Amino acid sequence: MAIEQVAVVGAGAWGTALAQAAAMAGRQVTLVGRDVEVLNDIGRNHANSKHLGNIRLSPHISASTRFGGADLVILAVPAQATRAVLADLGRLTDPVVLTAKGLEDGTLKRQSEILAEMAPEAVPFILSGPSFATDVAAGRPTAVTLAGDYDDETETIAAALAGPSFRLYASRDIVGVELAGALKNVYALAAGAVDGARLGASARAGLIARAYAELSRVIPALGGQAETLAGLAGLGDLALSCTSEQSRNYRHGVALGRGDPQPPALAEGVFTAPVAKRLANGAGVDAPLIEAVNLLLAGNVKIEKIVAGLMSRPLKREN
């Protein structure tokens, strides 16, 4: 499988950053989007000023409103928009790298399950891990996970996208990598809320550790591999998203913890939290942190009371 032409669908910060990474790896890239102003900026100035400031983009990136096919398709749109975008793209038979970290509201489906419904001939791959768009676009060292069902193809795609500052580690655990990427957003909301309420660094560290323990129950129960949690898509992404203001989910949680009447634009974790609760309950898994985030999002209980409830749970052994 030769990969020379890459199409990245979604010209926001993350899609542009992935286009930049692919171009730095030596690929010819078409960035497909809808915002004509953004596309003109990319074409004329080699920049996406709206989303990435003054970071200069590779001349090997072209911009278009039309999708014309490629050796590899990278889908970089919000999780809740995946179904509609796939419907617009039409028939896909190429390998498709899915990068959205979220579960679909209503259907409870993972991104690869949506792809299987909308484009059954496409072969799914999941890219996830600790990565911010500005770091990737600026060429700062970043390592992520690429999961696929077929080792040879996964490793070929990883090699095609790997560059001097962007490294991909192959995995077979599509389900686990997808779930880890989606669920860490829920815990990032919680971590942000703890900081927004000024409950202390110790509380946040304890939350992250217990989130990891909760993930170790939830992910295997839903079909993923527990080993995935020890890698970039698990611990790596969880740690980054729960500690950095660059994380939209963390910032949203901070606003909730402060009691702001109008938090920032909705983050992926807001949609994923109720889905995660339904999936965990359906699998019979104890997930008190996911339950707590849903209480917080409902707006009827303050973070201090939620934390007090968590702290009053029966004591038990850690191992």
Protein backbone atom coordinates (compact mmCIF):
# COMPACT_ATOMS: atom_id res chain seq x y z
CA MET A 1 0.00 0.00 0.00
CA ALA A 2 1.70 3.17 -1.22
CA ILE A 3 0.67 6.41 0.45
CA GLU A 4 1.62 9.61 -1.36
CA GLN A 5 -1.62 11.61 -1.53
CA VAL A 6 -3.34 12.40 1.77
CA ALA A 7 -6.69 14.15 2.16
CA VAL A 8 -7.43 15.72 5.54
CA VAL A 9 -11.12 16.52 5.99
CA GLY A 10 -11.63 19.34 8.48
CA ALA A 11 -9.69 22.61 8.29
CA GLY A 12 -9.85 23.56 11.95
CA ALA A 13 -6.81 23.62 14.22
CA TRP A 14 -6.49 19.84 14.53
CA GLY A 15 -7.08 19.05 10.86
CA THR A 16 -4.57 21.69 9.80
CA ALA A 17 -2.04 20.38 12.31
CA LEU A 18 -2.40 16.83 10.96
CA ALA A 19 -2.06 18.15 7.41
CA GLN A 20 1.14 19.84 8.50
CA ALA A 21 2.45 16.62 10.06
CA ALA A 22 1.68 14.63 6.91
CA ALA A 23 3.37 17.26 4.73
CA MET A 24 6.44 17.27 6.98
CA ALA A 25 6.54 13.49 6.51
CA GLY A 26 6.84 14.02 2.75
CA ARG A 27 3.25 13.50 1.66
CA GLN A 28 1.24 15.69 -0.73
CA VAL A 29 -1.74 16.91 1.28
CA THR A 30 -5.14 18.34 0.39
CA LEU A 31 -6.90 20.02 3.29
CA VAL A 32 -10.66 19.95 2.75
CA GLY A 33 -12.88 22.44 4.55
CA ARG A 34 -15.90 24.72 4.31
CA ASP A 35 -14.61 28.07 5.57
CA VAL A 36 -13.52 29.82 2.38
CA GLU A 37 -11.64 32.50 4.32
CA VAL A 38 -9.55 29.85 6.06
CA LEU A 39 -8.91 27.97 2.82
CA ASN A 40 -7.83 31.15 1.05
CA ASP A 41 -5.45 31.94 3.90
CA ILE A 42 -3.89 28.50 3.56
CA GLY A 43 -3.62 28.75 -0.21
CA ARG A 44 -2.24 32.29 -0.39
CA ASN A 45 -0.30 32.72 2.84
CA HIS A 46 0.54 29.15 3.92
CA ALA A 47 -1.13 29.85 7.25
CA ASN A 48 -4.36 29.16 9.13
CA SER A 49 -4.38 32.40 11.08
CA LYS A 50 -7.89 31.86 12.42
CA HIS A 51 -7.01 28.62 14.20
CA LEU A 52 -3.21 28.47 14.49
CA GLY A 53 -2.03 32.06 14.59
CA ASN A 54 1.22 32.79 12.78
CA ILE A 55 2.46 29.20 12.42
CA ARG A 56 3.71 28.81 8.87
CA LEU A 57 2.36 25.83 6.96
CA SER A 58 4.14 23.60 4.48
CA PRO A 59 3.82 24.55 0.78
CA HIS A 60 2.95 20.88 0.18
CA ILE A 61 -0.52 21.57 1.66
CA SER A 62 -3.24 22.68 -0.75
CA ALA A 63 -6.73 23.71 0.34
CA SER A 64 -10.07 22.89 -1.24
CA THR A 65 -13.80 22.82 -0.60
CA ARG A 66 -14.05 19.56 -2.52
CA PHE A 67 -13.01 16.07 -1.58
CA GLY A 68 -11.50 14.23 -4.51
CA GLY A 69 -10.15 11.05 -3.00
CA ALA A 70 -6.64 10.11 -1.90
CA ASP A 71 -4.43 7.20 -0.88
CA LEU A 72 -5.32 7.96 2.73
CA VAL A 73 -8.17 9.97 4.26
CA ILE A 74 -7.81 11.63 7.68
CA LEU A 75 -11.09 12.73 9.25
CA ALA A 76 -10.54 15.63 11.66
CA VAL A 77 -13.98 16.93 12.56
CA PRO A 78 -15.83 16.98 15.92
CA ALA A 79 -17.18 13.62 17.03
CA GLN A 80 -20.80 14.74 16.82
CA ALA A 81 -20.28 15.86 13.20
CA THR A 82 -18.68 12.65 11.94
CA ARG A 83 -21.88 11.05 10.63
CA ALA A 84 -22.97 14.13 8.67
CA VAL A 85 -19.52 14.67 7.18
CA LEU A 86 -19.27 11.04 6.07
CA ALA A 87 -22.68 11.36 4.43
CA ASP A 88 -21.40 14.37 2.47
CA LEU A 89 -18.21 12.59 1.40
CA GLY A 90 -20.12 9.75 -0.22
CA ARG A 91 -18.63 6.34 -0.97
CA LEU A 92 -15.25 5.73 0.66
CA THR A 93 -13.09 2.72 -0.07
CA ASP A 94 -9.75 4.12 1.13
CA PRO A 95 -8.16 3.68 4.55
CA VAL A 96 -9.69 6.28 6.88
CA VAL A 97 -7.90 7.61 9.95
CA LEU A 98 -10.42 8.78 12.55
CA THR A 99 -9.16 11.39 14.98
CA ALA A 100 -12.24 12.64 16.88
CA LYS A 101 -12.23 11.71 20.57
CA GLY A 102 -15.86 11.24 21.48
CA LEU A 103 -18.88 8.94 21.56
CA GLU A 104 -21.94 9.80 19.49
CA ASP A 105 -24.79 11.27 21.47
CA GLY A 106 -27.97 9.26 21.10
CA THR A 107 -26.54 6.19 19.36
CA LEU A 108 -23.74 5.58 21.95
CA LYS A 109 -21.44 4.61 19.06
CA ARG A 110 -17.69 4.90 18.72
CA GLN A 111 -16.23 6.67 15.67
CA SER A 112 -15.26 3.42 13.93
CA GLU A 113 -18.81 2.11 14.39
CA ILE A 114 -20.16 5.23 12.70
CA LEU A 115 -17.70 4.73 9.84
CA ALA A 116 -18.79 1.09 9.48
CA GLU A 117 -22.39 2.24 9.07
CA MET A 118 -21.75 5.14 6.73
CA ALA A 119 -18.86 3.76 4.66
CA PRO A 120 -18.73 -0.02 5.11
CA GLU A 121 -16.00 -0.47 2.47
CA ALA A 122 -13.58 1.87 4.24
CA VAL A 123 -10.91 0.46 6.56
CA PRO A 124 -10.81 2.26 9.93
CA PHE A 125 -7.71 3.39 11.83
CA ILE A 126 -7.77 5.38 15.06
CA LEU A 127 -5.27 8.12 15.87
CA SER A 128 -5.23 9.19 19.50
CA GLY A 129 -2.85 10.21 22.24
CA PRO A 130 -1.41 13.25 24.05
CA SER A 131 -1.34 15.90 21.35
CA PHE A 132 -2.34 19.54 21.00
CA ALA A 133 -2.81 21.08 17.56
CA THR A 134 -0.39 23.95 18.15
CA ASP A 135 2.39 21.56 19.19
CA VAL A 136 1.94 19.33 16.15
CA ALA A 137 1.65 22.24 13.71
CA ALA A 138 4.70 23.97 15.16
CA GLY A 139 6.80 20.81 14.85
CA ARG A 140 7.20 20.20 18.58
CA PRO A 141 7.91 16.58 19.59
CA THR A 142 4.65 14.63 19.78
CA ALA A 143 3.98 10.89 20.10
CA VAL A 144 0.58 9.27 19.49
CA THR A 145 -1.04 5.88 18.97
CA LEU A 146 -2.39 4.59 15.66
CA ALA A 147 -4.71 1.60 16.05
CA GLY A 148 -5.85 -0.72 13.27
CA ASP A 149 -6.96 -4.29 12.75
CA TYR A 150 -4.19 -5.17 10.29
CA ASP A 151 -0.60 -4.88 11.48
CA ASP A 152 1.03 -4.34 8.08
CA GLU A 153 -1.37 -1.60 7.02
CA THR A 154 -1.25 0.11 10.42
CA GLU A 155 2.54 0.17 10.36
CA THR A 156 2.57 1.43 6.75
CA ILE A 157 0.27 4.33 7.63
CA ALA A 158 2.26 5.09 10.79
CA ALA A 159 5.45 5.26 8.71
CA ALA A 160 3.78 7.45 6.06
CA LEU A 161 2.71 10.02 8.67
CA ALA A 162 5.81 9.91 10.86
CA GLY A 163 8.17 12.86 10.57
CA PRO A 164 11.04 14.45 12.47
CA SER A 165 8.75 15.57 15.31
CA PHE A 166 5.66 13.36 14.94
CA ARG A 167 5.91 9.71 15.99
CA LEU A 168 3.16 7.09 15.78
CA TYR A 169 3.12 3.83 17.74
CA ALA A 170 1.03 1.03 16.21
CA SER A 171 -1.67 -0.80 18.17
CA ARG A 172 -4.26 -3.48 17.42
CA ASP A 173 -6.73 -2.25 20.03
CA ILE A 174 -9.17 -0.06 18.09
CA VAL A 175 -11.86 -0.29 20.77
CA GLY A 176 -9.55 0.48 23.67
CA VAL A 177 -7.84 3.39 21.93
CA GLU A 178 -11.19 4.91 20.94
CA LEU A 179 -12.66 4.53 24.41
CA ALA A 180 -9.57 5.93 26.14
CA GLY A 181 -9.59 8.98 23.88
CA ALA A 182 -13.29 9.63 24.43
CA LEU A 183 -13.45 8.97 28.16
CA LYS A 184 -10.38 11.02 29.09
CA ASN A 185 -12.42 14.07 28.06
CA VAL A 186 -14.94 13.25 30.77
CA TYR A 187 -12.21 13.07 33.40
CA ALA A 188 -10.66 16.29 32.07
CA LEU A 189 -13.95 18.02 32.87
CA ALA A 190 -13.68 16.71 36.41
CA ALA A 191 -10.05 17.76 36.80
CA GLY A 192 -10.84 21.24 35.53
CA ALA A 193 -13.76 21.52 37.95
CA VAL A 194 -11.51 20.58 40.86
CA ASP A 195 -9.08 23.32 39.88
CA GLY A 196 -11.86 25.81 39.17
CA ALA A 197 -13.19 25.25 42.69
CA ARG A 198 -9.64 25.58 44.10
CA LEU A 199 -9.75 22.23 45.84
CA GLY A 200 -5.99 21.82 45.50
CA ALA A 201 -3.33 19.99 43.52
CA SER A 202 -3.60 16.96 45.79
CA ALA A 203 -7.28 16.57 44.93
CA ARG A 204 -6.53 16.79 41.22
CA ALA A 205 -3.73 14.20 41.46
CA GLY A 206 -5.99 11.86 43.38
CA LEU A 207 -8.72 12.32 40.80
CA ILE A 208 -6.38 11.46 37.92
CA ALA A 209 -5.21 8.31 39.70
CA ARG A 210 -8.76 7.19 40.42
CA ALA A 211 -9.77 8.04 36.84
CA TYR A 212 -7.06 5.67 35.64
CA ALA A 213 -8.42 2.97 37.96
CA GLU A 214 -11.95 3.59 36.70
CA LEU A 215 -10.79 3.36 33.09
CA SER A 216 -9.16 0.02 33.91
CA ARG A 217 -12.63 -1.30 34.77
CA VAL A 218 -14.65 0.41 32.08
CA ILE A 219 -12.52 -0.21 29.00
CA PRO A 220 -12.17 -4.03 29.34
CA ALA A 221 -15.88 -4.29 30.14
CA LEU A 222 -16.66 -2.53 26.85
CA GLY A 223 -14.34 -4.66 24.73
CA GLY A 224 -11.00 -2.86 24.93
CA GLN A 225 -7.67 -4.10 26.24
CA ALA A 226 -6.50 -3.06 29.70
CA GLU A 227 -2.91 -2.84 28.41
CA THR A 228 -3.85 0.13 26.24
CA LEU A 229 -4.25 2.25 29.37
CA ALA A 230 -0.52 2.12 30.10
CA GLY A 231 0.31 3.73 26.75
CA LEU A 232 0.00 7.05 24.98
CA ALA A 233 -3.71 6.74 24.25
CA GLY A 234 -4.41 5.95 27.90
CA LEU A 235 -2.20 7.41 30.62
CA GLY A 236 -0.48 9.84 28.25
CA ASP A 237 -3.66 11.50 27.01
CA LEU A 238 -5.34 11.38 30.43
CA ALA A 239 -2.43 13.18 32.09
CA LEU A 240 -2.22 15.86 29.41
CA SER A 241 -5.93 16.60 29.21
CA CYS A 242 -6.38 16.76 32.98
CA THR A 243 -3.55 19.21 33.60
CA SER A 244 -3.34 21.70 30.74
CA GLU A 245 -5.35 24.82 29.97
CA GLN A 246 -4.86 24.03 26.28
CA SER A 247 -7.43 21.27 26.78
CA ARG A 248 -10.90 22.53 25.90
CA ASN A 249 -12.45 19.96 28.22
CA TYR A 250 -10.23 21.03 31.12
CA ARG A 251 -11.12 24.70 30.52
CA HIS A 252 -14.81 23.84 30.40
CA GLY A 253 -14.44 22.01 33.71
CA VAL A 254 -12.68 25.01 35.26
CA ALA A 255 -15.65 27.19 34.31
CA LEU A 256 -18.05 24.67 35.86
CA GLY A 257 -15.97 24.48 39.04
CA ARG A 258 -15.98 28.26 39.38
CA GLY A 259 -19.73 28.32 38.90
CA ASP A 260 -19.58 30.44 35.76
CA PRO A 261 -23.11 30.92 34.41
CA GLN A 262 -22.02 30.41 30.82
CA PRO A 263 -19.07 28.03 30.32
CA PRO A 264 -17.10 28.20 27.06
CA ALA A 265 -18.30 26.52 23.87
CA LEU A 266 -19.32 22.94 24.49
CA ALA A 267 -16.43 20.48 24.64
CA GLU A 268 -16.51 16.86 23.46
CA GLY A 269 -16.68 15.57 27.04
CA VAL A 270 -20.04 17.28 27.56
CA PHE A 271 -21.58 15.03 24.91
CA THR A 272 -19.59 11.94 25.87
CA ALA A 273 -20.32 12.01 29.63
CA PRO A 274 -23.98 10.86 29.44
CA VAL A 275 -23.06 8.26 26.81
CA ALA A 276 -20.26 6.97 29.06
CA LYS A 277 -22.69 6.72 31.98
CA ARG A 278 -25.16 4.67 29.95
CA LEU A 279 -22.43 2.37 28.64
CA ALA A 280 -20.89 1.83 32.09
CA ASN A 281 -24.28 1.17 33.67
CA GLY A 282 -25.18 -1.20 30.86
CA ALA A 283 -21.98 -3.14 31.42
CA GLY A 284 -22.53 -3.22 35.18
CA VAL A 285 -19.33 -1.27 35.90
CA ASP A 286 -18.92 0.93 38.97
CA ALA A 287 -17.92 4.35 37.58
CA PRO A 288 -18.40 6.97 40.33
CA LEU A 289 -16.34 9.64 38.57
CA ILE A 290 -18.39 9.40 35.40
CA GLU A 291 -21.52 9.62 37.56
CA ALA A 292 -20.07 12.67 39.32
CA VAL A 293 -19.34 14.49 36.06
CA ASN A 294 -22.90 13.91 34.92
CA LEU A 295 -24.19 15.41 38.18
CA LEU A 296 -21.95 18.42 37.63
CA LEU A 297 -23.14 18.91 34.06
CA ALA A 298 -26.76 18.72 35.20
CA GLY A 299 -26.06 21.92 37.13
CA ASN A 300 -27.97 21.00 40.26
CA VAL A 301 -25.03 20.07 42.48
CA LYS A 302 -21.82 22.02 43.14
CA ILE A 303 -18.44 20.38 42.77
CA GLU A 304 -17.72 20.66 46.52
CA LYS A 305 -20.77 18.54 47.37
CA ILE A 306 -19.95 16.02 44.67
CA VAL A 307 -16.40 15.65 45.97
CA ALA A 308 -17.69 15.29 49.52
CA GLY A 309 -19.89 12.45 48.33
CA LEU A 310 -16.95 10.74 46.65
CA MET A 311 -14.82 11.13 49.76
CA SER A 312 -17.51 9.53 51.92
CA ARG A 313 -17.73 6.34 49.85
CA PRO A 314 -16.84 3.16 51.78
CA LEU A 315 -13.12 2.62 52.21
CA LYS A 316 -11.59 -0.24 50.26
CA ARG A 317 -8.23 -1.66 49.29
CA GLU A 318 -6.41 -0.12 46.32
CA ASN A 319 -5.06 -3.52 45.21
